[in-house]
Amino acid sequence: MVDDSFNSEVQKIAMEIIAYSGDGRSKAFNALKCAEKGKFDEADKLIEESNTAIGKAHDVQSKMLVDEANGKLLPFSILTVHAQDHFMTSMLANDLIKEMIQMEKNHWIERNKFSHEKI
């Protein structure tokens, strides 16, 4: 049986991953909303904040993986599975949203180019 302090540590790690991942995903979606309004500087700032939050989640996850590789076996926990799910979907959302923002920038450039031409 695993002691309660170890379970608490695993829960703390899982909650950190969930919190950082959720923050990163939220900032990425807010960046997309800004880009849709043509607020690209704000969108870029939010994407950087998203990258930072997801990077923190990655750091926590990496520590957990290194600990396990070094023999500190973690108990199976639905919470850690849930944390990994949040982390992976946040990374995917961040990557896709970066592409969508670039598409939005290209769209604004093209639309602006044609709006200055006389018909």
PDB file of N, CA and C in Angstrom:
ATOM      1  N   MET A   1       0.842  -1.188   0.000  1.00  0.00           N
ATOM      2  CA  MET A   1       0.000   0.000   0.000  1.00  0.00           C
ATOM      3  C   MET A   1       0.885   1.249   0.000  1.00  0.00           C
ATOM      4  N   VAL A   2       0.480   2.247  -0.743  1.00  0.00           N
ATOM      5  CA  VAL A   2       1.234   3.494  -0.858  1.00  0.00           C
ATOM      6  C   VAL A   2       0.818   4.429   0.264  1.00  0.00           C
ATOM      7  N   ASP A   3       1.817   5.098   0.897  1.00  0.00           N
ATOM      8  CA  ASP A   3       1.467   5.971   2.017  1.00  0.00           C
ATOM      9  C   ASP A   3       0.758   7.243   1.544  1.00  0.00           C
ATOM     10  N   ASP A   4       0.027   7.850   2.486  1.00  0.00           N
ATOM     11  CA  ASP A   4      -0.791   9.023   2.165  1.00  0.00           C
ATOM     12  C   ASP A   4       0.033  10.214   1.712  1.00  0.00           C
ATOM     13  N   SER A   5       1.233  10.398   2.268  1.00  0.00           N
ATOM     14  CA  SER A   5       2.055  11.543   1.859  1.00  0.00           C
ATOM     15  C   SER A   5       2.482  11.400   0.404  1.00  0.00           C
ATOM     16  N   PHE A   6       2.752  10.155  -0.021  1.00  0.00           N
ATOM     17  CA  PHE A   6       3.112   9.919  -1.419  1.00  0.00           C
ATOM     18  C   PHE A   6       1.915  10.174  -2.323  1.00  0.00           C
ATOM     19  N   ASN A   7       0.730   9.697  -1.906  1.00  0.00           N
ATOM     20  CA  ASN A   7      -0.486   9.967  -2.680  1.00  0.00           C
ATOM     21  C   ASN A   7      -0.743  11.464  -2.783  1.00  0.00           C
ATOM     22  N   SER A   8      -0.518  12.184  -1.695  1.00  0.00           N
ATOM     23  CA  SER A   8      -0.707  13.641  -1.711  1.00  0.00           C
ATOM     24  C   SER A   8       0.254  14.304  -2.680  1.00  0.00           C
ATOM     25  N   GLU A   9       1.494  13.808  -2.734  1.00  0.00           N
ATOM     26  CA  GLU A   9       2.480  14.359  -3.666  1.00  0.00           C
ATOM     27  C   GLU A   9       2.042  14.122  -5.112  1.00  0.00           C
ATOM     28  N   VAL A  10       1.564  12.919  -5.397  1.00  0.00           N
ATOM     29  CA  VAL A  10       1.094  12.595  -6.748  1.00  0.00           C
ATOM     30  C   VAL A  10      -0.101  13.473  -7.110  1.00  0.00           C
ATOM     31  N   GLN A  11      -1.025  13.660  -6.176  1.00  0.00           N
ATOM     32  CA  GLN A  11      -2.183  14.521  -6.428  1.00  0.00           C
ATOM     33  C   GLN A  11      -1.752  15.964  -6.675  1.00  0.00           C
ATOM     34  N   LYS A  12      -0.781  16.441  -5.917  1.00  0.00           N
ATOM     35  CA  LYS A  12      -0.278  17.805  -6.093  1.00  0.00           C
ATOM     36  C   LYS A  12       0.331  17.968  -7.486  1.00  0.00           C
ATOM     37  N   ILE A  13       1.128  16.995  -7.903  1.00  0.00           N
ATOM     38  CA  ILE A  13       1.748  17.037  -9.230  1.00  0.00           C
ATOM     39  C   ILE A  13       0.673  17.048 -10.311  1.00  0.00           C
ATOM     40  N   ALA A  14      -0.315  16.177 -10.172  1.00  0.00           N
ATOM     41  CA  ALA A  14      -1.393  16.108 -11.161  1.00  0.00           C
ATOM     42  C   ALA A  14      -2.158  17.427 -11.234  1.00  0.00           C
ATOM     43  N   MET A  15      -2.439  18.014 -10.085  1.00  0.00           N
ATOM     44  CA  MET A  15      -3.179  19.283 -10.070  1.00  0.00           C
ATOM     45  C   MET A  15      -2.353  20.414 -10.679  1.00  0.00           C
ATOM     46  N   GLU A  16      -1.040  20.401 -10.476  1.00  0.00           N
ATOM     47  CA  GLU A  16      -0.187  21.406 -11.110  1.00  0.00           C
ATOM     48  C   GLU A  16      -0.253  21.278 -12.631  1.00  0.00           C
ATOM     49  N   ILE A  17      -0.172  20.059 -13.128  1.00  0.00           N
ATOM     50  CA  ILE A  17      -0.243  19.836 -14.577  1.00  0.00           C
ATOM     51  C   ILE A  17      -1.585  20.312 -15.109  1.00  0.00           C
ATOM     52  N   ILE A  18      -2.666  19.978 -14.415  1.00  0.00           N
ATOM     53  CA  ILE A  18      -4.005  20.401 -14.841  1.00  0.00           C
ATOM     54  C   ILE A  18      -4.112  21.920 -14.841  1.00  0.00           C
ATOM     55  N   ALA A  19      -3.635  22.561 -13.785  1.00  0.00           N
ATOM     56  CA  ALA A  19      -3.751  24.025 -13.672  1.00  0.00           C
ATOM     57  C   ALA A  19      -2.941  24.735 -14.750  1.00  0.00           C
ATOM     58  N   TYR A  20      -1.682  24.346 -14.917  1.00  0.00           N
ATOM     59  CA  TYR A  20      -0.850  24.995 -15.938  1.00  0.00           C
ATOM     60  C   TYR A  20      -1.399  24.734 -17.340  1.00  0.00           C
ATOM     61  N   SER A  21      -1.831  23.505 -17.581  1.00  0.00           N
ATOM     62  CA  SER A  21      -2.374  23.165 -18.899  1.00  0.00           C
ATOM     63  C   SER A  21      -3.646  23.945 -19.191  1.00  0.00           C
ATOM     64  N   GLY A  22      -4.529  24.018 -18.208  1.00  0.00           N
ATOM     65  CA  GLY A  22      -5.774  24.768 -18.390  1.00  0.00           C
ATOM     66  C   GLY A  22      -5.520  26.238 -18.641  1.00  0.00           C
ATOM     67  N   ASP A  23      -4.561  26.797 -17.925  1.00  0.00           N
ATOM     68  CA  ASP A  23      -4.196  28.200 -18.127  1.00  0.00           C
ATOM     69  C   ASP A  23      -3.657  28.405 -19.543  1.00  0.00           C
ATOM     70  N   GLY A  24      -2.802  27.500 -19.979  1.00  0.00           N
ATOM     71  CA  GLY A  24      -2.246  27.602 -21.328  1.00  0.00           C
ATOM     72  C   GLY A  24      -3.306  27.494 -22.402  1.00  0.00           C
ATOM     73  N   ARG A  25      -4.217  26.549 -22.240  1.00  0.00           N
ATOM     74  CA  ARG A  25      -5.287  26.371 -23.227  1.00  0.00           C
ATOM     75  C   ARG A  25      -6.192  27.595 -23.256  1.00  0.00           C
ATOM     76  N   SER A  26      -6.534  28.114 -22.102  1.00  0.00           N
ATOM     77  CA  SER A  26      -7.398  29.294 -22.016  1.00  0.00           C
ATOM     78  C   SER A  26      -6.757  30.500 -22.701  1.00  0.00           C
ATOM     79  N   LYS A  27      -5.469  30.710 -22.451  1.00  0.00           N
ATOM     80  CA  LYS A  27      -4.768  31.833 -23.075  1.00  0.00           C
ATOM     81  C   LYS A  27      -4.697  31.657 -24.592  1.00  0.00           C
ATOM     82  N   ALA A  28      -4.519  30.429 -25.054  1.00  0.00           N
ATOM     83  CA  ALA A  28      -4.471  30.178 -26.497  1.00  0.00           C
ATOM     84  C   ALA A  28      -5.815  30.514 -27.151  1.00  0.00           C
ATOM     85  N   PHE A  29      -6.906  30.091 -26.541  1.00  0.00           N
ATOM     86  CA  PHE A  29      -8.216  30.402 -27.115  1.00  0.00           C
ATOM     87  C   PHE A  29      -8.516  31.900 -27.051  1.00  0.00           C
ATOM     88  N   ASN A  30      -8.067  32.565 -25.991  1.00  0.00           N
ATOM     89  CA  ASN A  30      -8.220  34.022 -25.929  1.00  0.00           C
ATOM     90  C   ASN A  30      -7.395  34.697 -27.018  1.00  0.00           C
ATOM     91  N   ALA A  31      -6.227  34.152 -27.306  1.00  0.00           N
ATOM     92  CA  ALA A  31      -5.389  34.687 -28.387  1.00  0.00           C
ATOM     93  C   ALA A  31      -6.110  34.572 -29.723  1.00  0.00           C
ATOM     94  N   LEU A  32      -6.775  33.459 -29.945  1.00  0.00           N
ATOM     95  CA  LEU A  32      -7.519  33.277 -31.193  1.00  0.00           C
ATOM     96  C   LEU A  32      -8.635  34.307 -31.313  1.00  0.00           C
ATOM     97  N   LYS A  33      -9.342  34.552 -30.222  1.00  0.00           N
ATOM     98  CA  LYS A  33     -10.409  35.570 -30.239  1.00  0.00           C
ATOM     99  C   LYS A  33      -9.833  36.943 -30.588  1.00  0.00           C
ATOM    100  N   CYS A  34      -8.668  37.267 -30.042  1.00  0.00           N
ATOM    101  CA  CYS A  34      -8.020  38.553 -30.364  1.00  0.00           C
ATOM    102  C   CYS A  34      -7.656  38.608 -31.843  1.00  0.00           C
ATOM    103  N   ALA A  35      -7.110  37.526 -32.356  1.00  0.00           N
ATOM    104  CA  ALA A  35      -6.717  37.494 -33.769  1.00  0.00           C
ATOM    105  C   ALA A  35      -7.921  37.672 -34.681  1.00  0.00           C
ATOM    106  N   GLU A  36      -9.048  37.088 -34.307  1.00  0.00           N
ATOM    107  CA  GLU A  36     -10.263  37.235 -35.114  1.00  0.00           C
ATOM    108  C   GLU A  36     -10.711  38.687 -35.200  1.00  0.00           C
ATOM    109  N   LYS A  37     -10.319  39.491 -34.203  1.00  0.00           N
ATOM    110  CA  LYS A  37     -10.666  40.917 -34.186  1.00  0.00           C
ATOM    111  C   LYS A  37      -9.543  41.783 -34.754  1.00  0.00           C
ATOM    112  N   GLY A  38      -8.479  41.149 -35.228  1.00  0.00           N
ATOM    113  CA  GLY A  38      -7.355  41.884 -35.783  1.00  0.00           C
ATOM    114  C   GLY A  38      -6.390  42.416 -34.747  1.00  0.00           C
ATOM    115  N   LYS A  39      -6.516  41.971 -33.510  1.00  0.00           N
ATOM    116  CA  LYS A  39      -5.631  42.420 -32.424  1.00  0.00           C
ATOM    117  C   LYS A  39      -4.445  41.451 -32.322  1.00  0.00           C
ATOM    118  N   PHE A  40      -3.571  41.532 -33.314  1.00  0.00           N
ATOM    119  CA  PHE A  40      -2.507  40.539 -33.430  1.00  0.00           C
ATOM    120  C   PHE A  40      -1.403  40.693 -32.385  1.00  0.00           C
ATOM    121  N   ASP A  41      -1.106  41.915 -31.974  1.00  0.00           N
ATOM    122  CA  ASP A  41      -0.091  42.094 -30.922  1.00  0.00           C
ATOM    123  C   ASP A  41      -0.555  41.438 -29.625  1.00  0.00           C
ATOM    124  N   GLU A  42      -1.828  41.648 -29.301  1.00  0.00           N
ATOM    125  CA  GLU A  42      -2.390  41.037 -28.094  1.00  0.00           C
ATOM    126  C   GLU A  42      -2.437  39.514 -28.236  1.00  0.00           C
ATOM    127  N   ALA A  43      -2.798  39.046 -29.434  1.00  0.00           N
ATOM    128  CA  ALA A  43      -2.833  37.600 -29.684  1.00  0.00           C
ATOM    129  C   ALA A  43      -1.447  36.985 -29.505  1.00  0.00           C
ATOM    130  N   ASP A  44      -0.428  37.648 -30.042  1.00  0.00           N
ATOM    131  CA  ASP A  44       0.941  37.137 -29.912  1.00  0.00           C
ATOM    132  C   ASP A  44       1.378  37.088 -28.449  1.00  0.00           C
ATOM    133  N   LYS A  45       1.006  38.106 -27.688  1.00  0.00           N
ATOM    134  CA  LYS A  45       1.349  38.151 -26.260  1.00  0.00           C
ATOM    135  C   LYS A  45       0.670  36.987 -25.522  1.00  0.00           C
ATOM    136  N   LEU A  46      -0.593  36.753 -25.828  1.00  0.00           N
ATOM    137  CA  LEU A  46      -1.319  35.659 -25.178  1.00  0.00           C
ATOM    138  C   LEU A  46      -0.750  34.297 -25.564  1.00  0.00           C
ATOM    139  N   ILE A  47      -0.325  34.149 -26.807  1.00  0.00           N
ATOM    140  CA  ILE A  47       0.287  32.886 -27.227  1.00  0.00           C
ATOM    141  C   ILE A  47       1.592  32.658 -26.469  1.00  0.00           C
ATOM    142  N   GLU A  48       2.364  33.713 -26.271  1.00  0.00           N
ATOM    143  CA  GLU A  48       3.596  33.570 -25.482  1.00  0.00           C
ATOM    144  C   GLU A  48       3.272  33.145 -24.051  1.00  0.00           C
ATOM    145  N   GLU A  49       2.220  33.737 -23.477  1.00  0.00           N
ATOM    146  CA  GLU A  49       1.800  33.347 -22.127  1.00  0.00           C
ATOM    147  C   GLU A  49       1.318  31.896 -22.109  1.00  0.00           C
ATOM    148  N   SER A  50       0.629  31.496 -23.170  1.00  0.00           N
ATOM    149  CA  SER A  50       0.183  30.112 -23.297  1.00  0.00           C
ATOM    150  C   SER A  50       1.384  29.175 -23.363  1.00  0.00           C
ATOM    151  N   ASN A  51       2.369  29.545 -24.177  1.00  0.00           N
ATOM    152  CA  ASN A  51       3.588  28.732 -24.285  1.00  0.00           C
ATOM    153  C   ASN A  51       4.267  28.581 -22.925  1.00  0.00           C
ATOM    154  N   THR A  52       4.315  29.667 -22.164  1.00  0.00           N
ATOM    155  CA  THR A  52       4.945  29.638 -20.841  1.00  0.00           C
ATOM    156  C   THR A  52       4.198  28.696 -19.900  1.00  0.00           C
ATOM    157  N   ALA A  53       2.873  28.813 -19.870  1.00  0.00           N
ATOM    158  CA  ALA A  53       2.073  27.958 -18.984  1.00  0.00           C
ATOM    159  C   ALA A  53       2.214  26.485 -19.368  1.00  0.00           C
ATOM    160  N   ILE A  54       2.141  26.205 -20.659  1.00  0.00           N
ATOM    161  CA  ILE A  54       2.274  24.820 -21.111  1.00  0.00           C
ATOM    162  C   ILE A  54       3.694  24.317 -20.855  1.00  0.00           C
ATOM    163  N   GLY A  55       4.668  25.201 -20.962  1.00  0.00           N
ATOM    164  CA  GLY A  55       6.047  24.835 -20.626  1.00  0.00           C
ATOM    165  C   GLY A  55       6.187  24.445 -19.164  1.00  0.00           C
ATOM    166  N   LYS A  56       5.482  25.160 -18.288  1.00  0.00           N
ATOM    167  CA  LYS A  56       5.514  24.815 -16.859  1.00  0.00           C
ATOM    168  C   LYS A  56       4.874  23.447 -16.623  1.00  0.00           C
ATOM    169  N   ALA A  57       3.771  23.186 -17.320  1.00  0.00           N
ATOM    170  CA  ALA A  57       3.134  21.866 -17.206  1.00  0.00           C
ATOM    171  C   ALA A  57       4.100  20.785 -17.681  1.00  0.00           C
ATOM    172  N   HIS A  58       4.803  21.067 -18.755  1.00  0.00           N
ATOM    173  CA  HIS A  58       5.774  20.111 -19.289  1.00  0.00           C
ATOM    174  C   HIS A  58       6.898  19.856 -18.288  1.00  0.00           C
ATOM    175  N   ASP A  59       7.359  20.910 -17.625  1.00  0.00           N
ATOM    176  CA  ASP A  59       8.412  20.751 -16.616  1.00  0.00           C
ATOM    177  C   ASP A  59       7.956  19.836 -15.481  1.00  0.00           C
ATOM    178  N   VAL A  60       6.722  20.032 -15.021  1.00  0.00           N
ATOM    179  CA  VAL A  60       6.182  19.198 -13.941  1.00  0.00           C
ATOM    180  C   VAL A  60       6.061  17.752 -14.417  1.00  0.00           C
ATOM    181  N   GLN A  61       5.543  17.576 -15.629  1.00  0.00           N
ATOM    182  CA  GLN A  61       5.398  16.237 -16.184  1.00  0.00           C
ATOM    183  C   GLN A  61       6.767  15.568 -16.335  1.00  0.00           C
ATOM    184  N   SER A  62       7.746  16.313 -16.824  1.00  0.00           N
ATOM    185  CA  SER A  62       9.090  15.753 -17.022  1.00  0.00           C
ATOM    186  C   SER A  62       9.699  15.289 -15.709  1.00  0.00           C
ATOM    187  N   LYS A  63       9.507  16.082 -14.657  1.00  0.00           N
ATOM    188  CA  LYS A  63      10.022  15.685 -13.343  1.00  0.00           C
ATOM    189  C   LYS A  63       9.377  14.371 -12.901  1.00  0.00           C
ATOM    190  N   MET A  64       8.077  14.256 -13.137  1.00  0.00           N
ATOM    191  CA  MET A  64       7.367  13.042 -12.767  1.00  0.00           C
ATOM    192  C   MET A  64       7.922  11.844 -13.551  1.00  0.00           C
ATOM    193  N   LEU A  65       8.166  12.031 -14.837  1.00  0.00           N
ATOM    194  CA  LEU A  65       8.681  10.943 -15.672  1.00  0.00           C
ATOM    195  C   LEU A  65      10.110  10.561 -15.277  1.00  0.00           C
ATOM    196  N   VAL A  66      10.932  11.558 -14.980  1.00  0.00           N
ATOM    197  CA  VAL A  66      12.308  11.288 -14.549  1.00  0.00           C
ATOM    198  C   VAL A  66      12.306  10.537 -13.218  1.00  0.00           C
ATOM    199  N   ASP A  67      11.452  10.971 -12.295  1.00  0.00           N
ATOM    200  CA  ASP A  67      11.348  10.272 -11.006  1.00  0.00           C
ATOM    201  C   ASP A  67      11.000   8.803 -11.220  1.00  0.00           C
ATOM    202  N   GLU A  68      10.025   8.561 -12.088  1.00  0.00           N
ATOM    203  CA  GLU A  68       9.621   7.178 -12.333  1.00  0.00           C
ATOM    204  C   GLU A  68      10.742   6.395 -13.008  1.00  0.00           C
ATOM    205  N   ALA A  69      11.445   7.022 -13.948  1.00  0.00           N
ATOM    206  CA  ALA A  69      12.564   6.352 -14.614  1.00  0.00           C
ATOM    207  C   ALA A  69      13.683   6.016 -13.631  1.00  0.00           C
ATOM    208  N   ASN A  70      13.798   6.807 -12.579  1.00  0.00           N
ATOM    209  CA  ASN A  70      14.816   6.569 -11.549  1.00  0.00           C
ATOM    210  C   ASN A  70      14.341   5.625 -10.448  1.00  0.00           C
ATOM    211  N   GLY A  71      13.205   4.981 -10.665  1.00  0.00           N
ATOM    212  CA  GLY A  71      12.746   3.974  -9.717  1.00  0.00           C
ATOM    213  C   GLY A  71      11.710   4.429  -8.711  1.00  0.00           C
ATOM    214  N   LYS A  72      11.347   5.698  -8.739  1.00  0.00           N
ATOM    215  CA  LYS A  72      10.309   6.193  -7.824  1.00  0.00           C
ATOM    216  C   LYS A  72       8.960   5.954  -8.513  1.00  0.00           C
ATOM    217  N   LEU A  73       8.423   4.761  -8.311  1.00  0.00           N
ATOM    218  CA  LEU A  73       7.209   4.365  -9.018  1.00  0.00           C
ATOM    219  C   LEU A  73       5.987   5.100  -8.476  1.00  0.00           C
ATOM    220  N   LEU A  74       5.209   5.627  -9.387  1.00  0.00           N
ATOM    221  CA  LEU A  74       3.992   6.345  -9.019  1.00  0.00           C
ATOM    222  C   LEU A  74       2.810   5.392  -9.055  1.00  0.00           C
ATOM    223  N   PRO A  75       1.894   5.531  -8.114  1.00  0.00           N
ATOM    224  CA  PRO A  75       0.701   4.680  -8.157  1.00  0.00           C
ATOM    225  C   PRO A  75      -0.196   5.109  -9.315  1.00  0.00           C
ATOM    226  N   PHE A  76      -0.922   4.141  -9.868  1.00  0.00           N
ATOM    227  CA  PHE A  76      -1.878   4.491 -10.914  1.00  0.00           C
ATOM    228  C   PHE A  76      -2.954   5.374 -10.300  1.00  0.00           C
ATOM    229  N   SER A  77      -3.289   6.419 -11.017  1.00  0.00           N
ATOM    230  CA  SER A  77      -4.301   7.345 -10.524  1.00  0.00           C
ATOM    231  C   SER A  77      -5.084   7.909 -11.701  1.00  0.00           C
ATOM    232  N   ILE A  78      -6.395   7.892 -11.584  1.00  0.00           N
ATOM    233  CA  ILE A  78      -7.234   8.511 -12.611  1.00  0.00           C
ATOM    234  C   ILE A  78      -6.903   9.996 -12.717  1.00  0.00           C
ATOM    235  N   LEU A  79      -6.543  10.613 -11.604  1.00  0.00           N
ATOM    236  CA  LEU A  79      -6.199  12.035 -11.613  1.00  0.00           C
ATOM    237  C   LEU A  79      -4.961  12.304 -12.472  1.00  0.00           C
ATOM    238  N   THR A  80      -3.957  11.433 -12.400  1.00  0.00           N
ATOM    239  CA  THR A  80      -2.776  11.645 -13.240  1.00  0.00           C
ATOM    240  C   THR A  80      -3.093  11.393 -14.710  1.00  0.00           C
ATOM    241  N   VAL A  81      -3.958  10.443 -14.988  1.00  0.00           N
ATOM    242  CA  VAL A  81      -4.398  10.221 -16.371  1.00  0.00           C
ATOM    243  C   VAL A  81      -5.140  11.459 -16.869  1.00  0.00           C
ATOM    244  N   HIS A  82      -5.996  11.989 -16.038  1.00  0.00           N
ATOM    245  CA  HIS A  82      -6.744  13.208 -16.369  1.00  0.00           C
ATOM    246  C   HIS A  82      -5.777  14.373 -16.607  1.00  0.00           C
ATOM    247  N   ALA A  83      -4.752  14.477 -15.784  1.00  0.00           N
ATOM    248  CA  ALA A  83      -3.754  15.542 -15.944  1.00  0.00           C
ATOM    249  C   ALA A  83      -3.029  15.399 -17.277  1.00  0.00           C
ATOM    250  N   GLN A  84      -2.645  14.181 -17.619  1.00  0.00           N
ATOM    251  CA  GLN A  84      -1.968  13.950 -18.895  1.00  0.00           C
ATOM    252  C   GLN A  84      -2.880  14.298 -20.065  1.00  0.00           C
ATOM    253  N   ASP A  85      -4.159  13.969 -19.934  1.00  0.00           N
ATOM    254  CA  ASP A  85      -5.130  14.299 -20.975  1.00  0.00           C
ATOM    255  C   ASP A  85      -5.231  15.813 -21.157  1.00  0.00           C
ATOM    256  N   HIS A  86      -5.327  16.541 -20.059  1.00  0.00           N
ATOM    257  CA  HIS A  86      -5.366  18.006 -20.123  1.00  0.00           C
ATOM    258  C   HIS A  86      -4.114  18.552 -20.789  1.00  0.00           C
ATOM    259  N   PHE A  87      -2.977  18.017 -20.397  1.00  0.00           N
ATOM    260  CA  PHE A  87      -1.706  18.490 -20.929  1.00  0.00           C
ATOM    261  C   PHE A  87      -1.631  18.274 -22.441  1.00  0.00           C
ATOM    262  N   MET A  88      -1.953  17.078 -22.886  1.00  0.00           N
ATOM    263  CA  MET A  88      -1.862  16.776 -24.320  1.00  0.00           C
ATOM    264  C   MET A  88      -2.856  17.600 -25.139  1.00  0.00           C
ATOM    265  N   THR A  89      -4.086  17.749 -24.652  1.00  0.00           N
ATOM    266  CA  THR A  89      -5.057  18.539 -25.415  1.00  0.00           C
ATOM    267  C   THR A  89      -4.678  20.014 -25.422  1.00  0.00           C
ATOM    268  N   SER A  90      -4.062  20.486 -24.356  1.00  0.00           N
ATOM    269  CA  SER A  90      -3.611  21.884 -24.318  1.00  0.00           C
ATOM    270  C   SER A  90      -2.481  22.120 -25.302  1.00  0.00           C
ATOM    271  N   MET A  91      -1.551  21.170 -25.374  1.00  0.00           N
ATOM    272  CA  MET A  91      -0.460  21.303 -26.344  1.00  0.00           C
ATOM    273  C   MET A  91      -1.009  21.300 -27.768  1.00  0.00           C
ATOM    274  N   LEU A  92      -1.936  20.409 -28.040  1.00  0.00           N
ATOM    275  CA  LEU A  92      -2.524  20.338 -29.372  1.00  0.00           C
ATOM    276  C   LEU A  92      -3.295  21.610 -29.695  1.00  0.00           C
ATOM    277  N   ALA A  93      -4.103  22.081 -28.761  1.00  0.00           N
ATOM    278  CA  ALA A  93      -4.863  23.317 -28.981  1.00  0.00           C
ATOM    279  C   ALA A  93      -3.917  24.478 -29.248  1.00  0.00           C
ATOM    280  N   ASN A  94      -2.857  24.584 -28.464  1.00  0.00           N
ATOM    281  CA  ASN A  94      -1.889  25.662 -28.639  1.00  0.00           C
ATOM    282  C   ASN A  94      -1.266  25.616 -30.033  1.00  0.00           C
ATOM    283  N   ASP A  95      -0.847  24.435 -30.466  1.00  0.00           N
ATOM    284  CA  ASP A  95      -0.227  24.303 -31.790  1.00  0.00           C
ATOM    285  C   ASP A  95      -1.207  24.648 -32.909  1.00  0.00           C
ATOM    286  N   LEU A  96      -2.422  24.127 -32.817  1.00  0.00           N
ATOM    287  CA  LEU A  96      -3.415  24.408 -33.857  1.00  0.00           C
ATOM    288  C   LEU A  96      -3.815  25.879 -33.872  1.00  0.00           C
ATOM    289  N   ILE A  97      -3.962  26.466 -32.707  1.00  0.00           N
ATOM    290  CA  ILE A  97      -4.357  27.875 -32.624  1.00  0.00           C
ATOM    291  C   ILE A  97      -3.265  28.774 -33.183  1.00  0.00           C
ATOM    292  N   LYS A  98      -2.001  28.425 -32.979  1.00  0.00           N
ATOM    293  CA  LYS A  98      -0.918  29.207 -33.594  1.00  0.00           C
ATOM    294  C   LYS A  98      -1.069  29.215 -35.113  1.00  0.00           C
ATOM    295  N   GLU A  99      -1.380  28.068 -35.685  1.00  0.00           N
ATOM    296  CA  GLU A  99      -1.597  27.985 -37.136  1.00  0.00           C
ATOM    297  C   GLU A  99      -2.816  28.807 -37.551  1.00  0.00           C
ATOM    298  N   MET A 100      -3.878  28.738 -36.767  1.00  0.00           N
ATOM    299  CA  MET A 100      -5.093  29.493 -37.089  1.00  0.00           C
ATOM    300  C   MET A 100      -4.843  30.995 -37.016  1.00  0.00           C
ATOM    301  N   ILE A 101      -4.037  31.424 -36.051  1.00  0.00           N
ATOM    302  CA  ILE A 101      -3.714  32.847 -35.939  1.00  0.00           C
ATOM    303  C   ILE A 101      -2.920  33.291 -37.161  1.00  0.00           C
ATOM    304  N   GLN A 102      -1.979  32.463 -37.603  1.00  0.00           N
ATOM    305  CA  GLN A 102      -1.220  32.818 -38.809  1.00  0.00           C
ATOM    306  C   GLN A 102      -2.153  32.908 -40.013  1.00  0.00           C
ATOM    307  N   MET A 103      -3.108  32.000 -40.116  1.00  0.00           N
ATOM    308  CA  MET A 103      -4.089  32.060 -41.209  1.00  0.00           C
ATOM    309  C   MET A 103      -4.900  33.345 -41.114  1.00  0.00           C
ATOM    310  N   GLU A 104      -5.271  33.714 -39.903  1.00  0.00           N
ATOM    311  CA  GLU A 104      -6.044  34.941 -39.686  1.00  0.00           C
ATOM    312  C   GLU A 104      -5.214  36.162 -40.087  1.00  0.00           C
ATOM    313  N   LYS A 105      -3.927  36.167 -39.756  1.00  0.00           N
ATOM    314  CA  LYS A 105      -3.042  37.265 -40.167  1.00  0.00           C
ATOM    315  C   LYS A 105      -2.981  37.356 -41.688  1.00  0.00           C
ATOM    316  N   ASN A 106      -2.803  36.214 -42.338  1.00  0.00           N
ATOM    317  CA  ASN A 106      -2.751  36.197 -43.804  1.00  0.00           C
ATOM    318  C   ASN A 106      -4.055  36.704 -44.406  1.00  0.00           C
ATOM    319  N   HIS A 107      -5.156  36.315 -43.810  1.00  0.00           N
ATOM    320  CA  HIS A 107      -6.470  36.757 -44.279  1.00  0.00           C
ATOM    321  C   HIS A 107      -6.594  38.272 -44.160  1.00  0.00           C
ATOM    322  N   TRP A 108      -6.170  38.824 -43.029  1.00  0.00           N
ATOM    323  CA  TRP A 108      -6.247  40.275 -42.824  1.00  0.00           C
ATOM    324  C   TRP A 108      -5.359  41.014 -43.821  1.00  0.00           C
ATOM    325  N   ILE A 109      -4.188  40.470 -44.107  1.00  0.00           N
ATOM    326  CA  ILE A 109      -3.288  41.101 -45.079  1.00  0.00           C
ATOM    327  C   ILE A 109      -3.939  41.123 -46.452  1.00  0.00           C
ATOM    328  N   GLU A 110      -4.480  39.991 -46.873  1.00  0.00           N
ATOM    329  CA  GLU A 110      -5.129  39.914 -48.188  1.00  0.00           C
ATOM    330  C   GLU A 110      -6.337  40.833 -48.263  1.00  0.00           C
ATOM    331  N   ARG A 111      -7.143  40.827 -47.232  1.00  0.00           N
ATOM    332  CA  ARG A 111      -8.338  41.671 -47.227  1.00  0.00           C
ATOM    333  C   ARG A 111      -7.943  43.145 -47.266  1.00  0.00           C
ATOM    334  N   ASN A 112      -6.921  43.508 -46.541  1.00  0.00           N
ATOM    335  CA  ASN A 112      -6.445  44.889 -46.525  1.00  0.00           C
ATOM    336  C   ASN A 112      -5.881  45.291 -47.881  1.00  0.00           C
ATOM    337  N   LYS A 113      -5.175  44.380 -48.519  1.00  0.00           N
ATOM    338  CA  LYS A 113      -4.584  44.650 -49.825  1.00  0.00           C
ATOM    339  C   LYS A 113      -5.681  44.999 -50.834  1.00  0.00           C
ATOM    340  N   PHE A 114      -6.746  44.225 -50.847  1.00  0.00           N
ATOM    341  CA  PHE A 114      -7.809  44.441 -51.817  1.00  0.00           C
ATOM    342  C   PHE A 114      -8.725  45.599 -51.442  1.00  0.00           C
ATOM    343  N   SER A 115      -8.810  45.931 -50.188  1.00  0.00           N
ATOM    344  CA  SER A 115      -9.709  47.018 -49.787  1.00  0.00           C
ATOM    345  C   SER A 115      -9.176  48.377 -50.218  1.00  0.00           C
ATOM    346  N   HIS A 116      -7.893  48.477 -50.528  1.00  0.00           N
ATOM    347  CA  HIS A 116      -7.309  49.742 -50.960  1.00  0.00           C
ATOM    348  C   HIS A 116      -7.341  49.923 -52.476  1.00  0.00           C
ATOM    349  N   GLU A 117      -7.723  48.885 -53.193  1.00  0.00           N
ATOM    350  CA  GLU A 117      -7.803  48.989 -54.653  1.00  0.00           C
ATOM    351  C   GLU A 117      -9.159  49.544 -55.055  1.00  0.00           C
ATOM    352  N   LYS A 118      -9.158  50.309 -56.130  1.00  0.00           N
ATOM    353  CA  LYS A 118     -10.428  50.834 -56.649  1.00  0.00           C
ATOM    354  C   LYS A 118     -11.069  49.782 -57.537  1.00  0.00           C
ATOM    355  N   ILE A 119     -12.367  49.712 -57.464  1.00  0.00           N
ATOM    356  CA  ILE A 119     -13.101  48.739 -58.283  1.00  0.00           C
ATOM    357  C   ILE A 119     -13.536  49.394 -59.569  1.00  0.00           C
TER     358      ILE A 119
END
